């Protein structure tokens, strides 16, 4: 990496609570324009992929809220928080009583963000940077916040999630109405009105639904 991730995260984020999950504090970008809207050249100069870990996306906030409100969902279970980003959902799972939580993200910067955020909340999270899509999962429950924003990504996820569900694993998805959400494969669990950053979304409130993949 061209710069130290932990130092960069500390310098460009502040410790704050996502509006829909005030129980949790995360290192988040306080001004979305300054970090998210950097040009590709600026990002490349510091070796930074798009900083998904720097924001509490609506799908993750809704899913974390659901887990905290329904702790029996994960209590005593082994949990995989897929495409973790900031680690918000994984942290919520630990707080709700999961016996083991593994976070996963292919962005190497996310590992530093996850470590800082876990420490800020006094929890322990496992981490893997491997691409898990299509792989066997050593977990009882798979949590995925805001993952259906890209067609190619969704096309890869859908058969994998379907197989995991067929194997008896619970797959829960938090989604604010992204374009590639496979509604015909989903079972409703809850809905929330989640405050979001207008710089990143098309509104200040996103209707966010928690689904179980079937």
Protein backbone atom coordinates (compact mmCIF):
# COMPACT_ATOMS: atom_id res chain seq x y z
CA UNK A 1 0.00 0.00 0.00
CA UNK A 2 1.19 3.51 -0.74
CA UNK A 3 0.06 4.93 2.58
CA UNK A 4 -0.64 3.53 6.03
CA UNK A 5 -4.34 2.56 6.16
CA UNK A 6 -4.80 3.02 9.91
CA UNK A 7 -3.17 6.47 9.91
CA UNK A 8 -5.24 7.51 6.88
CA UNK A 9 -8.49 6.27 8.43
CA UNK A 10 -7.81 8.11 11.68
CA UNK A 11 -6.97 11.31 9.80
CA UNK A 12 -9.94 11.25 7.42
CA UNK A 13 -12.78 9.93 9.59
CA UNK A 14 -14.35 10.66 12.94
CA UNK A 15 -15.74 8.26 15.52
CA UNK A 16 -19.52 8.60 15.31
CA UNK A 17 -22.72 6.58 15.62
CA UNK A 18 -24.75 5.72 12.50
CA UNK A 19 -28.15 7.42 12.91
CA UNK A 20 -30.17 4.18 12.84
CA UNK A 21 -27.80 2.24 15.09
CA UNK A 22 -26.79 4.64 17.89
CA UNK A 23 -25.50 1.78 20.06
CA UNK A 24 -22.46 1.41 17.78
CA UNK A 25 -19.61 3.83 17.04
CA UNK A 26 -17.66 3.68 13.78
CA UNK A 27 -14.81 5.56 12.12
CA UNK A 28 -16.85 7.25 9.38
CA UNK A 29 -16.17 10.02 6.89
CA UNK A 30 -17.73 13.12 8.37
CA UNK A 31 -17.90 14.86 4.98
CA UNK A 32 -18.73 12.42 2.24
CA UNK A 33 -17.68 14.72 -0.58
CA UNK A 34 -14.08 14.99 0.59
CA UNK A 35 -13.41 11.26 0.72
CA UNK A 36 -15.91 9.56 -1.57
CA UNK A 37 -15.71 12.11 -4.37
CA UNK A 38 -11.96 12.08 -4.77
CA UNK A 39 -10.95 11.55 -8.39
CA UNK A 40 -9.66 8.17 -9.52
CA UNK A 41 -6.23 9.76 -9.86
CA UNK A 42 -6.30 10.94 -6.24
CA UNK A 43 -7.39 7.51 -5.02
CA UNK A 44 -4.72 5.80 -7.09
CA UNK A 45 -2.07 8.17 -5.74
CA UNK A 46 -2.67 6.94 -2.19
CA UNK A 47 -3.46 3.34 -3.20
CA UNK A 48 -7.05 3.59 -2.00
CA UNK A 49 -9.92 1.56 -3.54
CA UNK A 50 -13.41 3.13 -3.28
CA UNK A 51 -13.79 3.59 0.50
CA UNK A 52 -17.00 1.65 1.11
CA UNK A 53 -15.79 1.08 4.70
CA UNK A 54 -16.01 4.82 5.46
CA UNK A 55 -19.82 5.03 5.33
CA UNK A 56 -22.74 3.36 7.10
CA UNK A 57 -24.77 2.27 4.09
CA UNK A 58 -28.54 1.95 4.41
CA UNK A 59 -28.64 -1.82 3.93
CA UNK A 60 -26.06 -2.37 6.65
CA UNK A 61 -27.81 -0.01 9.06
CA UNK A 62 -31.14 -1.77 8.53
CA UNK A 63 -29.63 -5.22 8.96
CA UNK A 64 -27.67 -4.19 12.08
CA UNK A 65 -30.84 -2.69 13.55
CA UNK A 66 -32.72 -5.92 12.90
CA UNK A 67 -30.02 -8.01 14.57
CA UNK A 68 -29.96 -5.79 17.65
CA UNK A 69 -33.77 -5.76 17.86
CA UNK A 70 -33.99 -9.54 17.35
CA UNK A 71 -30.89 -10.92 19.12
CA UNK A 72 -32.35 -14.43 19.12
CA UNK A 73 -31.55 -14.47 15.39
CA UNK A 74 -27.82 -14.81 16.03
CA UNK A 75 -27.51 -15.68 19.73
CA UNK A 76 -25.12 -18.59 20.17
CA UNK A 77 -24.61 -18.90 16.41
CA UNK A 78 -21.55 -18.73 14.17
CA UNK A 79 -21.97 -15.71 11.90
CA UNK A 80 -20.35 -14.60 8.65
CA UNK A 81 -20.68 -10.88 7.91
CA UNK A 82 -20.12 -10.89 4.14
CA UNK A 83 -18.73 -7.80 2.35
CA UNK A 84 -18.39 -6.23 5.77
CA UNK A 85 -17.12 -2.76 4.91
CA UNK A 86 -17.06 -0.89 8.21
CA UNK A 87 -18.01 -4.00 10.18
CA UNK A 88 -21.27 -2.48 11.41
CA UNK A 89 -23.31 -5.66 10.92
CA UNK A 90 -20.67 -7.92 12.42
CA UNK A 91 -20.34 -5.69 15.48
CA UNK A 92 -24.13 -5.81 15.92
CA UNK A 93 -24.00 -9.62 15.75
CA UNK A 94 -21.40 -9.78 18.52
CA UNK A 95 -23.46 -7.41 20.67
CA UNK A 96 -26.53 -9.59 20.06
CA UNK A 97 -24.77 -12.66 21.42
CA UNK A 98 -23.31 -14.52 18.44
CA UNK A 99 -20.71 -16.99 19.66
CA UNK A 100 -18.34 -16.28 16.77
CA UNK A 101 -18.35 -13.59 14.06
CA UNK A 102 -16.14 -13.61 11.00
CA UNK A 103 -16.10 -10.52 8.82
CA UNK A 104 -15.07 -10.70 5.17
CA UNK A 105 -14.07 -8.10 2.63
CA UNK A 106 -11.73 -8.23 -0.36
CA UNK A 107 -10.70 -4.59 0.17
CA UNK A 108 -7.46 -4.70 2.21
CA UNK A 109 -8.29 -1.29 3.67
CA UNK A 110 -11.43 -2.73 5.22
CA UNK A 111 -9.34 -4.93 7.51
CA UNK A 112 -7.83 -1.83 9.14
CA UNK A 113 -11.23 -0.13 9.39
CA UNK A 114 -12.77 -3.26 10.91
CA UNK A 115 -9.99 -3.57 13.46
CA UNK A 116 -10.39 0.06 14.53
CA UNK A 117 -14.17 -0.20 14.70
CA UNK A 118 -14.12 -3.45 16.65
CA UNK A 119 -11.76 -1.86 19.16
CA UNK A 120 -13.94 1.24 19.47
CA UNK A 121 -16.87 -0.99 20.48
CA UNK A 122 -14.92 -3.42 22.67
CA UNK A 123 -15.74 -6.48 20.56
CA UNK A 124 -13.70 -9.18 18.85
CA UNK A 125 -14.16 -9.92 15.16
CA UNK A 126 -12.47 -12.47 12.93
CA UNK A 127 -11.51 -11.36 9.43
CA UNK A 128 -10.82 -12.89 6.05
CA UNK A 129 -9.82 -11.08 2.89
CA UNK A 130 -10.51 -14.10 0.69
CA UNK A 131 -13.11 -14.04 -2.07
CA UNK A 132 -15.74 -16.31 -0.52
CA UNK A 133 -18.28 -16.27 -3.34
CA UNK A 134 -19.09 -19.84 -4.32
CA UNK A 135 -17.12 -21.28 -1.42
CA UNK A 136 -18.26 -23.41 1.50
CA UNK A 137 -18.95 -21.35 4.63
CA UNK A 138 -18.23 -22.48 8.18
CA UNK A 139 -21.08 -20.49 9.72
CA UNK A 140 -24.71 -20.92 10.70
CA UNK A 141 -25.84 -17.49 9.55
CA UNK A 142 -24.67 -15.27 6.68
CA UNK A 143 -25.39 -11.56 6.91
CA UNK A 144 -25.09 -9.29 3.86
CA UNK A 145 -25.84 -5.57 3.90
CA UNK A 146 -26.31 -3.64 0.65
CA UNK A 147 -24.77 -6.12 -1.79
CA UNK A 148 -27.13 -5.97 -4.79
CA UNK A 149 -25.94 -2.68 -6.29
CA UNK A 150 -24.06 -4.19 -9.26
CA UNK A 151 -25.37 -6.65 -11.86
CA UNK A 152 -22.25 -8.81 -12.14
CA UNK A 153 -21.87 -8.97 -8.37
CA UNK A 154 -25.54 -9.89 -7.93
CA UNK A 155 -25.30 -12.57 -10.64
CA UNK A 156 -22.45 -14.19 -8.69
CA UNK A 157 -24.12 -13.86 -5.28
CA UNK A 158 -27.58 -15.22 -6.09
CA UNK A 159 -26.63 -18.85 -6.84
CA UNK A 160 -24.18 -18.87 -3.92
CA UNK A 161 -26.75 -17.55 -1.45
CA UNK A 162 -29.31 -20.01 -2.84
CA UNK A 163 -26.93 -22.92 -2.27
CA UNK A 164 -26.14 -21.78 1.27
CA UNK A 165 -29.87 -21.54 2.02
CA UNK A 166 -30.42 -25.02 0.59
CA UNK A 167 -27.70 -26.29 2.93
CA UNK A 168 -29.74 -25.01 5.86
CA UNK A 169 -27.86 -21.80 6.56
CA UNK A 170 -29.80 -18.64 7.32
CA UNK A 171 -28.95 -15.89 4.82
CA UNK A 172 -30.21 -12.44 5.79
CA UNK A 173 -29.94 -9.45 3.47
CA UNK A 174 -30.41 -5.75 4.22
CA UNK A 175 -31.33 -3.77 1.11
CA UNK A 176 -32.65 -0.25 0.38
CA UNK A 177 -34.14 -1.13 -3.00
CA UNK A 178 -31.01 -1.63 -5.08
CA UNK A 179 -31.52 -2.42 -8.76
CA UNK A 180 -30.43 -6.04 -8.75
CA UNK A 181 -32.22 -7.32 -5.66
CA UNK A 182 -33.68 -10.80 -6.46
CA UNK A 183 -37.12 -10.20 -4.95
CA UNK A 184 -38.46 -13.56 -6.10
CA UNK A 185 -35.93 -15.34 -3.86
CA UNK A 186 -36.62 -13.34 -0.70
CA UNK A 187 -38.84 -13.63 2.36
CA UNK A 188 -39.75 -10.42 4.21
CA UNK A 189 -38.47 -9.90 7.75
CA UNK A 190 -38.66 -6.18 8.61
CA UNK A 191 -38.59 -2.69 7.12
CA UNK A 192 -36.97 0.52 8.40
CA UNK A 193 -36.68 4.16 7.39
CA UNK A 194 -32.93 4.75 7.51
CA UNK A 195 -31.30 8.21 7.48
CA UNK A 196 -28.45 8.33 4.96
CA UNK A 197 -25.94 10.76 3.48
CA UNK A 198 -27.49 12.64 0.56
CA UNK A 199 -24.07 12.93 -1.08
CA UNK A 200 -24.11 9.14 -1.57
CA UNK A 201 -27.80 8.46 -2.09
CA UNK A 202 -30.74 10.02 -3.91
CA UNK A 203 -32.56 10.99 -0.70
CA UNK A 204 -31.99 11.62 2.99
CA UNK A 205 -34.12 8.64 4.06
CA UNK A 206 -33.96 5.19 2.45
CA UNK A 207 -36.68 2.60 2.97
CA UNK A 208 -34.59 -0.41 3.88
CA UNK A 209 -35.89 -3.96 4.08
CA UNK A 210 -34.41 -6.99 5.79
CA UNK A 211 -35.02 -10.20 3.85
CA UNK A 212 -34.28 -13.88 4.31
CA UNK A 213 -32.89 -15.51 1.21
CA UNK A 214 -34.81 -18.65 0.24
